[in-house]
Amino acid sequence: MVFSLRRLAAWAKFLTMFVILTLIFYQVIAWISHWIQPTYRYGEPKGPAVKVFAPHGETGTTGGLTDLTERLLLFYWLGE
């Protein structure tokens, strides 16, 4: 079997460039993803703003099945 050194060198150059460009593209996408990521959504509001939604269990309600059924009924009632 005969191997051409030019063909082998061209293939190695192509593979090297492919790997390098793939890594650069990955880093660019990771940087853009980090750049457009929103701020921390669950932080305390600043100024006169009031936090309206409290996670489950912080409101002092009894919770359990009644809370779940009320939320489900509200979901169906609003049609969302």
PDB file of N, CA and C in Angstrom:
ATOM      1  N   MET A   1       0.849  -1.162   0.000  1.00  0.00           N
ATOM      2  CA  MET A   1       0.000   0.000   0.000  1.00  0.00           C
ATOM      3  C   MET A   1       0.903   1.235   0.000  1.00  0.00           C
ATOM      4  N   VAL A   2       0.573   2.180  -0.849  1.00  0.00           N
ATOM      5  CA  VAL A   2       1.407   3.357  -1.021  1.00  0.00           C
ATOM      6  C   VAL A   2       0.700   4.559  -0.393  1.00  0.00           C
ATOM      7  N   PHE A   3       1.431   5.270   0.456  1.00  0.00           N
ATOM      8  CA  PHE A   3       0.899   6.483   1.076  1.00  0.00           C
ATOM      9  C   PHE A   3       1.616   7.692   0.493  1.00  0.00           C
ATOM     10  N   SER A   4       0.861   8.657   0.076  1.00  0.00           N
ATOM     11  CA  SER A   4       1.451   9.885  -0.434  1.00  0.00           C
ATOM     12  C   SER A   4       1.703  10.826   0.741  1.00  0.00           C
ATOM     13  N   LEU A   5       2.916  11.321   0.848  1.00  0.00           N
ATOM     14  CA  LEU A   5       3.241  12.224   1.951  1.00  0.00           C
ATOM     15  C   LEU A   5       2.504  13.556   1.821  1.00  0.00           C
ATOM     16  N   ARG A   6       2.283  14.001   0.614  1.00  0.00           N
ATOM     17  CA  ARG A   6       1.541  15.255   0.423  1.00  0.00           C
ATOM     18  C   ARG A   6       0.095  15.104   0.888  1.00  0.00           C
ATOM     19  N   ARG A   7      -0.503  13.980   0.524  1.00  0.00           N
ATOM     20  CA  ARG A   7      -1.887  13.744   0.943  1.00  0.00           C
ATOM     21  C   ARG A   7      -1.962  13.604   2.469  1.00  0.00           C
ATOM     22  N   LEU A   8      -1.004  12.913   3.051  1.00  0.00           N
ATOM     23  CA  LEU A   8      -0.963  12.751   4.506  1.00  0.00           C
ATOM     24  C   LEU A   8      -0.740  14.097   5.199  1.00  0.00           C
ATOM     25  N   ALA A   9       0.136  14.940   4.644  1.00  0.00           N
ATOM     26  CA  ALA A   9       0.378  16.268   5.218  1.00  0.00           C
ATOM     27  C   ALA A   9      -0.854  17.152   5.083  1.00  0.00           C
ATOM     28  N   ALA A  10      -1.536  17.068   3.955  1.00  0.00           N
ATOM     29  CA  ALA A  10      -2.760  17.859   3.765  1.00  0.00           C
ATOM     30  C   ALA A  10      -3.842  17.409   4.750  1.00  0.00           C
ATOM     31  N   TRP A  11      -3.945  16.105   4.947  1.00  0.00           N
ATOM     32  CA  TRP A  11      -4.935  15.585   5.885  1.00  0.00           C
ATOM     33  C   TRP A  11      -4.610  16.015   7.318  1.00  0.00           C
ATOM     34  N   ALA A  12      -3.336  15.968   7.696  1.00  0.00           N
ATOM     35  CA  ALA A  12      -2.920  16.391   9.040  1.00  0.00           C
ATOM     36  C   ALA A  12      -3.163  17.883   9.235  1.00  0.00           C
ATOM     37  N   LYS A  13      -2.896  18.678   8.202  1.00  0.00           N
ATOM     38  CA  LYS A  13      -3.142  20.122   8.284  1.00  0.00           C
ATOM     39  C   LYS A  13      -4.634  20.398   8.443  1.00  0.00           C
ATOM     40  N   PHE A  14      -5.452  19.689   7.668  1.00  0.00           N
ATOM     41  CA  PHE A  14      -6.900  19.856   7.771  1.00  0.00           C
ATOM     42  C   PHE A  14      -7.399  19.482   9.160  1.00  0.00           C
ATOM     43  N   LEU A  15      -6.947  18.366   9.683  1.00  0.00           N
ATOM     44  CA  LEU A  15      -7.385  17.910  10.999  1.00  0.00           C
ATOM     45  C   LEU A  15      -6.945  18.877  12.095  1.00  0.00           C
ATOM     46  N   THR A  16      -5.722  19.378  12.001  1.00  0.00           N
ATOM     47  CA  THR A  16      -5.227  20.342  12.989  1.00  0.00           C
ATOM     48  C   THR A  16      -6.033  21.630  12.949  1.00  0.00           C
ATOM     49  N   MET A  17      -6.282  22.147  11.753  1.00  0.00           N
ATOM     50  CA  MET A  17      -7.068  23.380  11.626  1.00  0.00           C
ATOM     51  C   MET A  17      -8.502  23.174  12.116  1.00  0.00           C
ATOM     52  N   PHE A  18      -9.066  21.998  11.834  1.00  0.00           N
ATOM     53  CA  PHE A  18     -10.419  21.703  12.285  1.00  0.00           C
ATOM     54  C   PHE A  18     -10.502  21.713  13.810  1.00  0.00           C
ATOM     55  N   VAL A  19      -9.554  21.083  14.466  1.00  0.00           N
ATOM     56  CA  VAL A  19      -9.551  21.036  15.933  1.00  0.00           C
ATOM     57  C   VAL A  19      -9.348  22.430  16.514  1.00  0.00           C
ATOM     58  N   ILE A  20      -8.416  23.195  15.960  1.00  0.00           N
ATOM     59  CA  ILE A  20      -8.150  24.543  16.473  1.00  0.00           C
ATOM     60  C   ILE A  20      -9.366  25.442  16.296  1.00  0.00           C
ATOM     61  N   LEU A  21      -9.976  25.413  15.110  1.00  0.00           N
ATOM     62  CA  LEU A  21     -11.153  26.258  14.871  1.00  0.00           C
ATOM     63  C   LEU A  21     -12.352  25.813  15.705  1.00  0.00           C
ATOM     64  N   THR A  22     -12.478  24.514  15.947  1.00  0.00           N
ATOM     65  CA  THR A  22     -13.552  24.028  16.813  1.00  0.00           C
ATOM     66  C   THR A  22     -13.373  24.544  18.236  1.00  0.00           C
ATOM     67  N   LEU A  23     -12.162  24.508  18.747  1.00  0.00           N
ATOM     68  CA  LEU A  23     -11.903  25.012  20.098  1.00  0.00           C
ATOM     69  C   LEU A  23     -12.139  26.520  20.186  1.00  0.00           C
ATOM     70  N   ILE A  24     -11.728  27.262  19.160  1.00  0.00           N
ATOM     71  CA  ILE A  24     -11.973  28.711  19.155  1.00  0.00           C
ATOM     72  C   ILE A  24     -13.466  28.991  19.120  1.00  0.00           C
ATOM     73  N   PHE A  25     -14.193  28.277  18.279  1.00  0.00           N
ATOM     74  CA  PHE A  25     -15.642  28.462  18.182  1.00  0.00           C
ATOM     75  C   PHE A  25     -16.324  28.135  19.507  1.00  0.00           C
ATOM     76  N   TYR A  26     -15.875  27.071  20.167  1.00  0.00           N
ATOM     77  CA  TYR A  26     -16.440  26.706  21.468  1.00  0.00           C
ATOM     78  C   TYR A  26     -16.198  27.807  22.499  1.00  0.00           C
ATOM     79  N   GLN A  27     -14.998  28.358  22.524  1.00  0.00           N
ATOM     80  CA  GLN A  27     -14.687  29.416  23.482  1.00  0.00           C
ATOM     81  C   GLN A  27     -15.508  30.668  23.209  1.00  0.00           C
ATOM     82  N   VAL A  28     -15.722  31.001  21.939  1.00  0.00           N
ATOM     83  CA  VAL A  28     -16.541  32.169  21.594  1.00  0.00           C
ATOM     84  C   VAL A  28     -17.977  31.956  22.047  1.00  0.00           C
ATOM     85  N   ILE A  29     -18.517  30.778  21.815  1.00  0.00           N
ATOM     86  CA  ILE A  29     -19.889  30.496  22.249  1.00  0.00           C
ATOM     87  C   ILE A  29     -19.983  30.519  23.773  1.00  0.00           C
ATOM     88  N   ALA A  30     -19.008  29.980  24.476  1.00  0.00           N
ATOM     89  CA  ALA A  30     -19.016  30.010  25.943  1.00  0.00           C
ATOM     90  C   ALA A  30     -18.940  31.442  26.454  1.00  0.00           C
ATOM     91  N   TRP A  31     -18.122  32.279  25.826  1.00  0.00           N
ATOM     92  CA  TRP A  31     -18.016  33.684  26.239  1.00  0.00           C
ATOM     93  C   TRP A  31     -19.329  34.415  25.990  1.00  0.00           C
ATOM     94  N   ILE A  32     -19.962  34.203  24.837  1.00  0.00           N
ATOM     95  CA  ILE A  32     -21.242  34.854  24.536  1.00  0.00           C
ATOM     96  C   ILE A  32     -22.315  34.368  25.499  1.00  0.00           C
ATOM     97  N   SER A  33     -22.323  33.083  25.809  1.00  0.00           N
ATOM     98  CA  SER A  33     -23.299  32.539  26.751  1.00  0.00           C
ATOM     99  C   SER A  33     -23.136  33.167  28.127  1.00  0.00           C
ATOM    100  N   HIS A  34     -21.908  33.342  28.564  1.00  0.00           N
ATOM    101  CA  HIS A  34     -21.660  33.972  29.858  1.00  0.00           C
ATOM    102  C   HIS A  34     -22.024  35.456  29.820  1.00  0.00           C
ATOM    103  N   TRP A  35     -21.797  36.095  28.695  1.00  0.00           N
ATOM    104  CA  TRP A  35     -22.054  37.524  28.551  1.00  0.00           C
ATOM    105  C   TRP A  35     -23.551  37.837  28.565  1.00  0.00           C
ATOM    106  N   ILE A  36     -24.380  36.984  27.938  1.00  0.00           N
ATOM    107  CA  ILE A  36     -25.809  37.274  27.863  1.00  0.00           C
ATOM    108  C   ILE A  36     -26.601  36.644  28.998  1.00  0.00           C
ATOM    109  N   GLN A  37     -25.941  35.946  29.895  1.00  0.00           N
ATOM    110  CA  GLN A  37     -26.643  35.311  31.005  1.00  0.00           C
ATOM    111  C   GLN A  37     -27.242  36.388  31.900  1.00  0.00           C
ATOM    112  N   PRO A  38     -28.528  36.249  32.259  1.00  0.00           N
ATOM    113  CA  PRO A  38     -29.155  37.278  33.091  1.00  0.00           C
ATOM    114  C   PRO A  38     -28.576  37.301  34.501  1.00  0.00           C
ATOM    115  N   THR A  39     -28.856  38.373  35.193  1.00  0.00           N
ATOM    116  CA  THR A  39     -28.383  38.500  36.562  1.00  0.00           C
ATOM    117  C   THR A  39     -29.125  37.520  37.461  1.00  0.00           C
ATOM    118  N   TYR A  40     -28.709  37.443  38.683  1.00  0.00           N
ATOM    119  CA  TYR A  40     -29.315  36.518  39.641  1.00  0.00           C
ATOM    120  C   TYR A  40     -30.770  36.911  39.874  1.00  0.00           C
ATOM    121  N   ARG A  41     -31.700  36.033  39.493  1.00  0.00           N
ATOM    122  CA  ARG A  41     -33.124  36.354  39.534  1.00  0.00           C
ATOM    123  C   ARG A  41     -33.710  36.312  40.937  1.00  0.00           C
ATOM    124  N   TYR A  42     -33.098  35.620  41.840  1.00  0.00           N
ATOM    125  CA  TYR A  42     -33.712  35.383  43.135  1.00  0.00           C
ATOM    126  C   TYR A  42     -33.158  36.282  44.229  1.00  0.00           C
ATOM    127  N   GLY A  43     -32.459  37.319  43.857  1.00  0.00           N
ATOM    128  CA  GLY A  43     -31.918  38.239  44.843  1.00  0.00           C
ATOM    129  C   GLY A  43     -32.988  39.163  45.402  1.00  0.00           C
ATOM    130  N   GLU A  44     -32.636  39.855  46.451  1.00  0.00           N
ATOM    131  CA  GLU A  44     -33.552  40.812  47.056  1.00  0.00           C
ATOM    132  C   GLU A  44     -33.689  42.031  46.148  1.00  0.00           C
ATOM    133  N   PRO A  45     -34.908  42.549  46.001  1.00  0.00           N
ATOM    134  CA  PRO A  45     -35.088  43.737  45.168  1.00  0.00           C
ATOM    135  C   PRO A  45     -34.462  44.967  45.811  1.00  0.00           C
ATOM    136  N   LYS A  46     -34.089  45.919  44.976  1.00  0.00           N
ATOM    137  CA  LYS A  46     -33.461  47.143  45.457  1.00  0.00           C
ATOM    138  C   LYS A  46     -34.451  48.293  45.386  1.00  0.00           C
ATOM    139  N   GLY A  47     -34.268  49.261  46.253  1.00  0.00           N
ATOM    140  CA  GLY A  47     -35.125  50.445  46.236  1.00  0.00           C
ATOM    141  C   GLY A  47     -36.505  50.149  46.799  1.00  0.00           C
ATOM    142  N   PRO A  48     -37.536  50.822  46.274  1.00  0.00           N
ATOM    143  CA  PRO A  48     -38.884  50.628  46.815  1.00  0.00           C
ATOM    144  C   PRO A  48     -39.588  49.387  46.268  1.00  0.00           C
ATOM    145  N   ALA A  49     -38.893  48.545  45.518  1.00  0.00           N
ATOM    146  CA  ALA A  49     -39.518  47.358  44.943  1.00  0.00           C
ATOM    147  C   ALA A  49     -39.848  46.342  46.033  1.00  0.00           C
ATOM    148  N   VAL A  50     -40.886  45.572  45.784  1.00  0.00           N
ATOM    149  CA  VAL A  50     -41.325  44.553  46.725  1.00  0.00           C
ATOM    150  C   VAL A  50     -41.273  43.206  46.022  1.00  0.00           C
ATOM    151  N   LYS A  51     -40.735  42.218  46.694  1.00  0.00           N
ATOM    152  CA  LYS A  51     -40.695  40.879  46.123  1.00  0.00           C
ATOM    153  C   LYS A  51     -42.075  40.259  46.290  1.00  0.00           C
ATOM    154  N   VAL A  52     -42.697  39.908  45.173  1.00  0.00           N
ATOM    155  CA  VAL A  52     -44.086  39.476  45.199  1.00  0.00           C
ATOM    156  C   VAL A  52     -44.202  37.974  45.395  1.00  0.00           C
ATOM    157  N   PHE A  53     -43.352  37.221  44.785  1.00  0.00           N
ATOM    158  CA  PHE A  53     -43.451  35.768  44.826  1.00  0.00           C
ATOM    159  C   PHE A  53     -42.511  35.209  45.876  1.00  0.00           C
ATOM    160  N   ALA A  54     -43.047  34.374  46.749  1.00  0.00           N
ATOM    161  CA  ALA A  54     -42.222  33.697  47.745  1.00  0.00           C
ATOM    162  C   ALA A  54     -42.195  32.213  47.397  1.00  0.00           C
ATOM    163  N   PRO A  55     -41.056  31.575  47.472  1.00  0.00           N
ATOM    164  CA  PRO A  55     -41.002  30.135  47.194  1.00  0.00           C
ATOM    165  C   PRO A  55     -41.896  29.352  48.143  1.00  0.00           C
ATOM    166  N   HIS A  56     -42.229  28.150  47.763  1.00  0.00           N
ATOM    167  CA  HIS A  56     -43.145  27.309  48.522  1.00  0.00           C
ATOM    168  C   HIS A  56     -42.626  27.089  49.942  1.00  0.00           C
ATOM    169  N   GLY A  57     -43.467  27.351  50.924  1.00  0.00           N
ATOM    170  CA  GLY A  57     -43.112  27.107  52.310  1.00  0.00           C
ATOM    171  C   GLY A  57     -42.679  28.348  53.065  1.00  0.00           C
ATOM    172  N   GLU A  58     -42.418  29.452  52.411  1.00  0.00           N
ATOM    173  CA  GLU A  58     -41.979  30.656  53.104  1.00  0.00           C
ATOM    174  C   GLU A  58     -43.130  31.585  53.470  1.00  0.00           C
ATOM    175  N   THR A  59     -44.312  31.322  52.957  1.00  0.00           N
ATOM    176  CA  THR A  59     -45.420  32.238  53.196  1.00  0.00           C
ATOM    177  C   THR A  59     -46.120  31.977  54.518  1.00  0.00           C
ATOM    178  N   GLY A  60     -45.820  30.883  55.167  1.00  0.00           N
ATOM    179  CA  GLY A  60     -46.459  30.579  56.432  1.00  0.00           C
ATOM    180  C   GLY A  60     -47.749  29.797  56.261  1.00  0.00           C
ATOM    181  N   THR A  61     -48.072  29.367  55.052  1.00  0.00           N
ATOM    182  CA  THR A  61     -49.278  28.581  54.832  1.00  0.00           C
ATOM    183  C   THR A  61     -49.038  27.154  55.283  1.00  0.00           C
ATOM    184  N   THR A  62     -50.127  26.413  55.397  1.00  0.00           N
ATOM    185  CA  THR A  62     -50.008  25.024  55.821  1.00  0.00           C
ATOM    186  C   THR A  62     -49.409  24.164  54.735  1.00  0.00           C
ATOM    187  N   GLY A  63     -49.545  24.584  53.477  1.00  0.00           N
ATOM    188  CA  GLY A  63     -48.947  23.832  52.374  1.00  0.00           C
ATOM    189  C   GLY A  63     -49.682  22.535  52.148  1.00  0.00           C
ATOM    190  N   GLY A  64     -49.004  21.562  51.639  1.00  0.00           N
ATOM    191  CA  GLY A  64     -49.586  20.255  51.433  1.00  0.00           C
ATOM    192  C   GLY A  64     -50.454  20.183  50.200  1.00  0.00           C
ATOM    193  N   LEU A  65     -51.429  19.275  50.264  1.00  0.00           N
ATOM    194  CA  LEU A  65     -52.262  19.002  49.103  1.00  0.00           C
ATOM    195  C   LEU A  65     -53.216  20.140  48.795  1.00  0.00           C
ATOM    196  N   THR A  66     -53.714  20.837  49.819  1.00  0.00           N
ATOM    197  CA  THR A  66     -54.659  21.923  49.547  1.00  0.00           C
ATOM    198  C   THR A  66     -53.995  23.037  48.763  1.00  0.00           C
ATOM    199  N   ASP A  67     -52.766  23.349  49.107  1.00  0.00           N
ATOM    200  CA  ASP A  67     -52.051  24.387  48.367  1.00  0.00           C
ATOM    201  C   ASP A  67     -51.842  23.955  46.920  1.00  0.00           C
ATOM    202  N   LEU A  68     -51.526  22.693  46.715  1.00  0.00           N
ATOM    203  CA  LEU A  68     -51.318  22.185  45.366  1.00  0.00           C
ATOM    204  C   LEU A  68     -52.616  22.225  44.567  1.00  0.00           C
ATOM    205  N   THR A  69     -53.716  21.826  45.177  1.00  0.00           N
ATOM    206  CA  THR A  69     -54.989  21.852  44.450  1.00  0.00           C
ATOM    207  C   THR A  69     -55.427  23.278  44.156  1.00  0.00           C
ATOM    208  N   GLU A  70     -55.187  24.198  45.099  1.00  0.00           N
ATOM    209  CA  GLU A  70     -55.528  25.597  44.836  1.00  0.00           C
ATOM    210  C   GLU A  70     -54.712  26.147  43.682  1.00  0.00           C
ATOM    211  N   ARG A  71     -53.453  25.823  43.646  1.00  0.00           N
ATOM    212  CA  ARG A  71     -52.602  26.299  42.555  1.00  0.00           C
ATOM    213  C   ARG A  71     -53.023  25.682  41.227  1.00  0.00           C
ATOM    214  N   LEU A  72     -53.405  24.400  41.244  1.00  0.00           N
ATOM    215  CA  LEU A  72     -53.855  23.748  40.024  1.00  0.00           C
ATOM    216  C   LEU A  72     -55.165  24.356  39.535  1.00  0.00           C
ATOM    217  N   LEU A  73     -56.092  24.618  40.452  1.00  0.00           N
ATOM    218  CA  LEU A  73     -57.352  25.256  40.065  1.00  0.00           C
ATOM    219  C   LEU A  73     -57.112  26.659  39.519  1.00  0.00           C
ATOM    220  N   LEU A  74     -56.203  27.402  40.116  1.00  0.00           N
ATOM    221  CA  LEU A  74     -55.869  28.727  39.604  1.00  0.00           C
ATOM    222  C   LEU A  74     -55.251  28.625  38.211  1.00  0.00           C
ATOM    223  N   PHE A  75     -54.433  27.619  38.002  1.00  0.00           N
ATOM    224  CA  PHE A  75     -53.824  27.406  36.693  1.00  0.00           C
ATOM    225  C   PHE A  75     -54.898  27.144  35.640  1.00  0.00           C
ATOM    226  N   TYR A  76     -55.855  26.271  35.956  1.00  0.00           N
ATOM    227  CA  TYR A  76     -56.923  25.977  34.995  1.00  0.00           C
ATOM    228  C   TYR A  76     -57.855  27.171  34.820  1.00  0.00           C
ATOM    229  N   TRP A  77     -58.100  27.913  35.890  1.00  0.00           N
ATOM    230  CA  TRP A  77     -59.006  29.055  35.823  1.00  0.00           C
ATOM    231  C   TRP A  77     -58.430  30.158  34.934  1.00  0.00           C
ATOM    232  N   LEU A  78     -57.126  30.407  35.065  1.00  0.00           N
ATOM    233  CA  LEU A  78     -56.498  31.441  34.248  1.00  0.00           C
ATOM    234  C   LEU A  78     -56.246  30.972  32.819  1.00  0.00           C
ATOM    235  N   GLY A  79     -56.245  29.683  32.602  1.00  0.00           N
ATOM    236  CA  GLY A  79     -56.070  29.153  31.257  1.00  0.00           C
ATOM    237  C   GLY A  79     -54.663  29.268  30.730  1.00  0.00           C
ATOM    238  N   GLU A  80     -53.693  29.176  31.575  1.00  0.00           N
ATOM    239  CA  GLU A  80     -52.297  29.286  31.132  1.00  0.00           C
ATOM    240  C   GLU A  80     -51.645  27.937  31.101  1.00  0.00           C
TER     241      GLU A  80
END
